[in-house]
Amino acid sequence: MPCFPYTPTTAVSIRTLELFRVTQLHSPHISIHSFVKTLCDLHTLPFKSYLSCQFSIALDLYLSIRTSTEHAVQAALLRDMADWRLRHLCPPCTYTLVDEEKLKFSMLYTMDGNDSLKRILWQEAAPPTSAEMDEPVLGESSESTDTRQVGKGVYLTREQVDEWSKEILEALNVPNDDDEESPCAERWRNMKTELTARMWGIFEETGLFLALCHHGFVLLLADMVRSGEL
């Protein structure tokens, strides 16, 4: 796999890229930096920092090819509908036999979120004005825009999640169930506004929200971006 589109001087074998992909799936803390250093030791070559960048480029290209191939295969098998995976993911929940007795609850699932995967939004410092000399002012984001889309049929997009934002629901006059008396209200603390409002501000991503069927299959995943658990 080349590292440059024209006249590349460095290439990475597909077997090496696949080894790193599978290894990182089982051990996410393994970084490209440490893996490239290992390759340099195996080839008895001095490590150079630019090799990590070249390996990253080759890995992105390899993953893009894998994704495109997977989409082509799914389309050929007529499995490219938006909800195909959700309808056929769990055989005990979604596969129905002829003349099977209809259950009262055909599927049991649970949803919950965890805010342990936090990522701070990096922003440039804006030039302070005379009225804001004592308070720091944040400017535009200094991060590169990532336009890649992964996990089609698994991850909900930001646009889908934002449809359930507090502002949109208030504009639609959707009734709030929180106003009803509930015996769990005093015990349910992770959604209290006064506890979470101070935290979401500095984070771009705060964690994952997922849905599981009772057989352990992951139905859907949502990346919690700033707003937390909508």
Protein backbone atom coordinates (compact mmCIF):
# COMPACT_ATOMS: atom_id res chain seq x y z
CA MET A 1 0.00 0.00 0.00
CA PRO A 2 1.72 3.25 -1.12
CA CYS A 3 2.04 6.31 1.10
CA PHE A 4 1.89 8.85 -1.75
CA PRO A 5 -0.29 9.03 -4.88
CA TYR A 6 2.66 9.72 -7.23
CA THR A 7 6.15 8.19 -7.28
CA PRO A 8 5.98 6.74 -3.74
CA THR A 9 9.26 5.82 -2.08
CA THR A 10 7.72 3.93 0.85
CA ALA A 11 5.04 1.24 0.90
CA VAL A 12 3.48 -0.95 3.59
CA SER A 13 2.39 -4.51 2.94
CA ILE A 14 -1.31 -5.31 3.25
CA ARG A 15 -0.52 -8.14 5.68
CA THR A 16 1.20 -5.63 7.98
CA LEU A 17 -1.76 -3.23 7.81
CA GLU A 18 -4.20 -6.06 8.53
CA LEU A 19 -2.06 -7.19 11.48
CA PHE A 20 -2.19 -3.69 12.98
CA ARG A 21 -5.95 -3.37 12.35
CA VAL A 22 -6.79 -6.65 14.07
CA THR A 23 -4.30 -6.06 16.90
CA GLN A 24 -5.72 -2.62 17.66
CA LEU A 25 -9.25 -4.04 17.74
CA HIS A 26 -8.23 -6.27 20.63
CA SER A 27 -5.88 -3.75 22.24
CA PRO A 28 -6.87 -0.15 21.36
CA HIS A 29 -4.04 1.42 23.37
CA ILE A 30 -1.47 0.20 20.81
CA SER A 31 -0.53 3.30 18.85
CA ILE A 32 0.80 3.74 15.33
CA HIS A 33 3.95 5.25 16.82
CA SER A 34 4.82 2.17 18.87
CA PHE A 35 3.84 -0.22 16.06
CA VAL A 36 6.09 1.56 13.54
CA LYS A 37 8.95 1.48 16.04
CA THR A 38 8.45 -2.28 16.29
CA LEU A 39 8.62 -2.60 12.50
CA CYS A 40 11.82 -0.58 12.44
CA ASP A 41 13.37 -2.91 15.02
CA LEU A 42 12.34 -5.97 13.00
CA HIS A 43 13.92 -4.48 9.87
CA THR A 44 16.98 -3.21 11.82
CA LEU A 45 16.35 0.35 10.68
CA PRO A 46 16.55 3.59 12.68
CA PHE A 47 13.15 5.04 13.58
CA LYS A 48 12.16 8.30 11.90
CA SER A 49 9.09 10.28 12.95
CA TYR A 50 7.91 10.71 9.35
CA LEU A 51 7.46 6.93 9.10
CA SER A 52 4.51 7.13 11.50
CA CYS A 53 2.83 9.69 9.24
CA GLN A 54 3.45 7.52 6.18
CA PHE A 55 2.06 4.45 7.94
CA SER A 56 -1.03 6.44 8.96
CA ILE A 57 -1.64 7.48 5.33
CA ALA A 58 -1.32 3.87 4.13
CA LEU A 59 -3.64 2.68 6.91
CA ASP A 60 -6.31 5.24 6.02
CA LEU A 61 -6.14 4.15 2.38
CA TYR A 62 -6.36 0.48 3.35
CA LEU A 63 -9.37 1.04 5.62
CA SER A 64 -11.07 3.11 2.90
CA ILE A 65 -10.62 0.25 0.41
CA ARG A 66 -11.99 -2.26 2.94
CA THR A 67 -15.03 -0.05 3.58
CA SER A 68 -15.74 0.48 -0.12
CA THR A 69 -15.40 -3.25 -0.80
CA GLU A 70 -17.74 -4.09 2.08
CA HIS A 71 -20.36 -1.66 0.78
CA ALA A 72 -20.10 -3.18 -2.73
CA VAL A 73 -20.52 -6.70 -1.35
CA GLN A 74 -23.53 -5.71 0.76
CA ALA A 75 -25.14 -3.99 -2.23
CA ALA A 76 -24.63 -7.12 -4.38
CA LEU A 77 -26.31 -9.20 -1.66
CA LEU A 78 -29.20 -6.68 -1.43
CA ARG A 79 -28.22 -5.87 2.13
CA ASP A 80 -27.60 -2.17 1.67
CA MET A 81 -30.93 -0.92 3.03
CA ALA A 82 -30.59 1.48 5.95
CA ASP A 83 -32.24 -0.88 8.46
CA TRP A 84 -31.17 -4.26 7.04
CA ARG A 85 -28.62 -4.91 9.76
CA LEU A 86 -31.03 -3.96 12.53
CA ARG A 87 -33.69 -6.28 11.13
CA HIS A 88 -31.36 -9.29 10.78
CA LEU A 89 -28.73 -8.76 13.48
CA CYS A 90 -29.89 -11.14 16.22
CA PRO A 91 -31.28 -14.51 14.97
CA PRO A 92 -33.26 -15.31 18.17
CA CYS A 93 -34.89 -11.85 18.17
CA THR A 94 -35.42 -11.20 14.46
CA TYR A 95 -35.75 -14.64 12.80
CA THR A 96 -39.33 -15.90 12.76
CA LEU A 97 -40.32 -19.49 11.99
CA VAL A 98 -43.41 -20.49 10.04
CA ASP A 99 -46.44 -20.75 12.34
CA GLU A 100 -44.33 -19.64 15.31
CA GLU A 101 -46.34 -18.60 18.33
CA LYS A 102 -46.43 -14.82 18.63
CA LEU A 103 -44.91 -13.60 21.88
CA LYS A 104 -46.23 -10.68 23.87
CA PHE A 105 -42.77 -9.10 23.70
CA SER A 106 -40.97 -10.20 20.55
CA MET A 107 -37.76 -8.43 21.51
CA LEU A 108 -36.17 -7.18 24.71
CA TYR A 109 -33.45 -4.55 24.61
CA THR A 110 -31.80 -1.97 26.81
CA MET A 111 -30.20 1.41 26.19
CA ASP A 112 -27.67 3.32 28.25
CA GLY A 113 -24.75 5.68 27.89
CA ASN A 114 -21.34 6.06 29.45
CA ASP A 115 -19.37 9.30 29.63
CA SER A 116 -15.92 7.76 30.22
CA LEU A 117 -14.76 8.39 26.63
CA LYS A 118 -14.25 12.15 26.71
CA ARG A 119 -12.40 14.23 24.14
CA ILE A 120 -11.71 17.92 24.66
CA LEU A 121 -12.46 20.33 21.82
CA TRP A 122 -9.27 22.15 20.83
CA GLN A 123 -9.87 25.81 20.01
CA GLU A 124 -7.65 28.74 19.16
CA ALA A 125 -7.44 31.62 21.60
CA ALA A 126 -9.34 34.62 20.23
CA PRO A 127 -7.82 38.08 20.67
CA PRO A 128 -9.42 39.61 23.78
CA THR A 129 -11.38 42.82 23.57
CA SER A 130 -11.20 45.67 26.05
CA ALA A 131 -14.35 44.44 27.80
CA GLU A 132 -13.04 40.87 28.09
CA MET A 133 -9.47 41.42 29.26
CA ASP A 134 -10.01 39.43 32.45
CA GLU A 135 -11.74 36.43 30.89
CA PRO A 136 -10.26 34.03 28.30
CA VAL A 137 -12.11 33.97 25.00
CA LEU A 138 -12.17 30.87 22.78
CA GLY A 139 -12.01 31.20 19.03
CA GLU A 140 -12.58 28.80 16.16
CA SER A 141 -11.79 25.10 16.40
CA SER A 142 -8.17 24.25 15.55
CA GLU A 143 -8.96 20.64 14.68
CA SER A 144 -8.94 19.18 11.19
CA THR A 145 -12.38 18.26 9.86
CA ASP A 146 -12.87 14.50 9.63
CA THR A 147 -15.40 13.68 6.91
CA ARG A 148 -15.07 9.89 7.14
CA GLN A 149 -18.20 7.84 7.83
CA VAL A 150 -17.87 4.44 9.45
CA GLY A 151 -20.27 1.80 10.69
CA LYS A 152 -23.14 2.33 8.24
CA GLY A 153 -26.24 0.94 9.88
CA VAL A 154 -24.51 0.85 13.28
CA TYR A 155 -23.67 4.44 14.21
CA LEU A 156 -26.33 7.12 14.23
CA THR A 157 -25.15 10.31 12.53
CA ARG A 158 -24.94 13.62 14.37
CA GLU A 159 -27.85 14.92 12.33
CA GLN A 160 -30.07 12.05 13.51
CA VAL A 161 -29.11 12.58 17.14
CA ASP A 162 -29.53 16.36 16.95
CA GLU A 163 -33.18 15.86 16.02
CA TRP A 164 -33.74 15.07 19.71
CA SER A 165 -31.92 18.11 21.07
CA LYS A 166 -33.51 20.03 23.90
CA GLU A 167 -34.04 23.14 21.76
CA ILE A 168 -35.84 21.26 18.96
CA LEU A 169 -38.08 19.36 21.37
CA GLU A 170 -39.01 22.60 23.12
CA ALA A 171 -39.84 24.20 19.77
CA LEU A 172 -42.10 21.26 18.93
CA ASN A 173 -43.81 21.50 22.35
CA VAL A 174 -43.09 17.85 23.10
CA PRO A 175 -44.36 17.01 26.60
CA ASN A 176 -41.61 16.44 29.13
CA ASP A 177 -42.05 13.26 31.14
CA ASP A 178 -39.71 14.62 33.81
CA ASP A 179 -42.60 16.70 35.18
CA GLU A 180 -44.49 13.56 36.18
CA GLU A 181 -43.90 12.16 39.63
CA SER A 182 -41.67 9.11 39.64
CA PRO A 183 -40.22 7.08 42.52
CA CYS A 184 -36.90 6.99 40.65
CA ALA A 185 -36.60 10.77 40.24
CA GLU A 186 -34.44 11.35 43.32
CA ARG A 187 -32.20 8.38 42.53
CA TRP A 188 -31.58 9.27 38.88
CA ARG A 189 -28.66 11.67 39.15
CA ASN A 190 -26.66 11.41 35.91
CA MET A 191 -29.16 13.50 33.92
CA LYS A 192 -29.50 16.38 36.38
CA THR A 193 -28.81 19.62 34.53
CA GLU A 194 -26.94 21.24 37.37
CA LEU A 195 -24.48 18.33 37.47
CA THR A 196 -23.82 18.03 33.73
CA ALA A 197 -24.05 21.57 32.38
CA ARG A 198 -20.59 22.52 33.66
CA MET A 199 -18.95 19.45 32.13
CA TRP A 200 -20.31 19.32 28.56
CA GLY A 201 -18.92 22.75 27.65
CA ILE A 202 -15.24 21.84 27.30
CA PHE A 203 -15.74 18.44 25.65
CA GLU A 204 -16.40 17.81 21.97
CA GLU A 205 -17.31 14.17 22.63
CA THR A 206 -18.37 12.80 26.00
CA GLY A 207 -18.93 9.08 25.43
CA LEU A 208 -21.13 6.49 23.76
CA PHE A 209 -24.81 5.66 24.01
CA LEU A 210 -25.75 2.20 22.81
CA ALA A 211 -28.67 -0.18 22.53
CA LEU A 212 -28.27 -3.91 23.19
CA CYS A 213 -30.68 -6.78 22.79
CA HIS A 214 -30.83 -9.26 25.67
CA HIS A 215 -28.61 -11.67 23.71
CA GLY A 216 -25.76 -9.15 23.77
CA PHE A 217 -25.85 -7.92 20.16
CA VAL A 218 -25.15 -4.21 19.65
CA LEU A 219 -28.20 -2.79 17.86
CA LEU A 220 -27.23 0.88 17.51
CA LEU A 221 -24.53 3.25 18.73
CA ALA A 222 -24.66 7.02 19.15
CA ASP A 223 -21.63 9.22 19.72
CA MET A 224 -22.50 11.61 22.54
CA VAL A 225 -21.38 15.00 21.26
CA ARG A 226 -21.45 17.84 23.79
CA SER A 227 -25.09 17.43 24.73
CA GLY A 228 -24.52 14.07 26.43
CA GLU A 229 -27.44 11.67 26.63
CA LEU A 230 -30.22 13.29 24.62
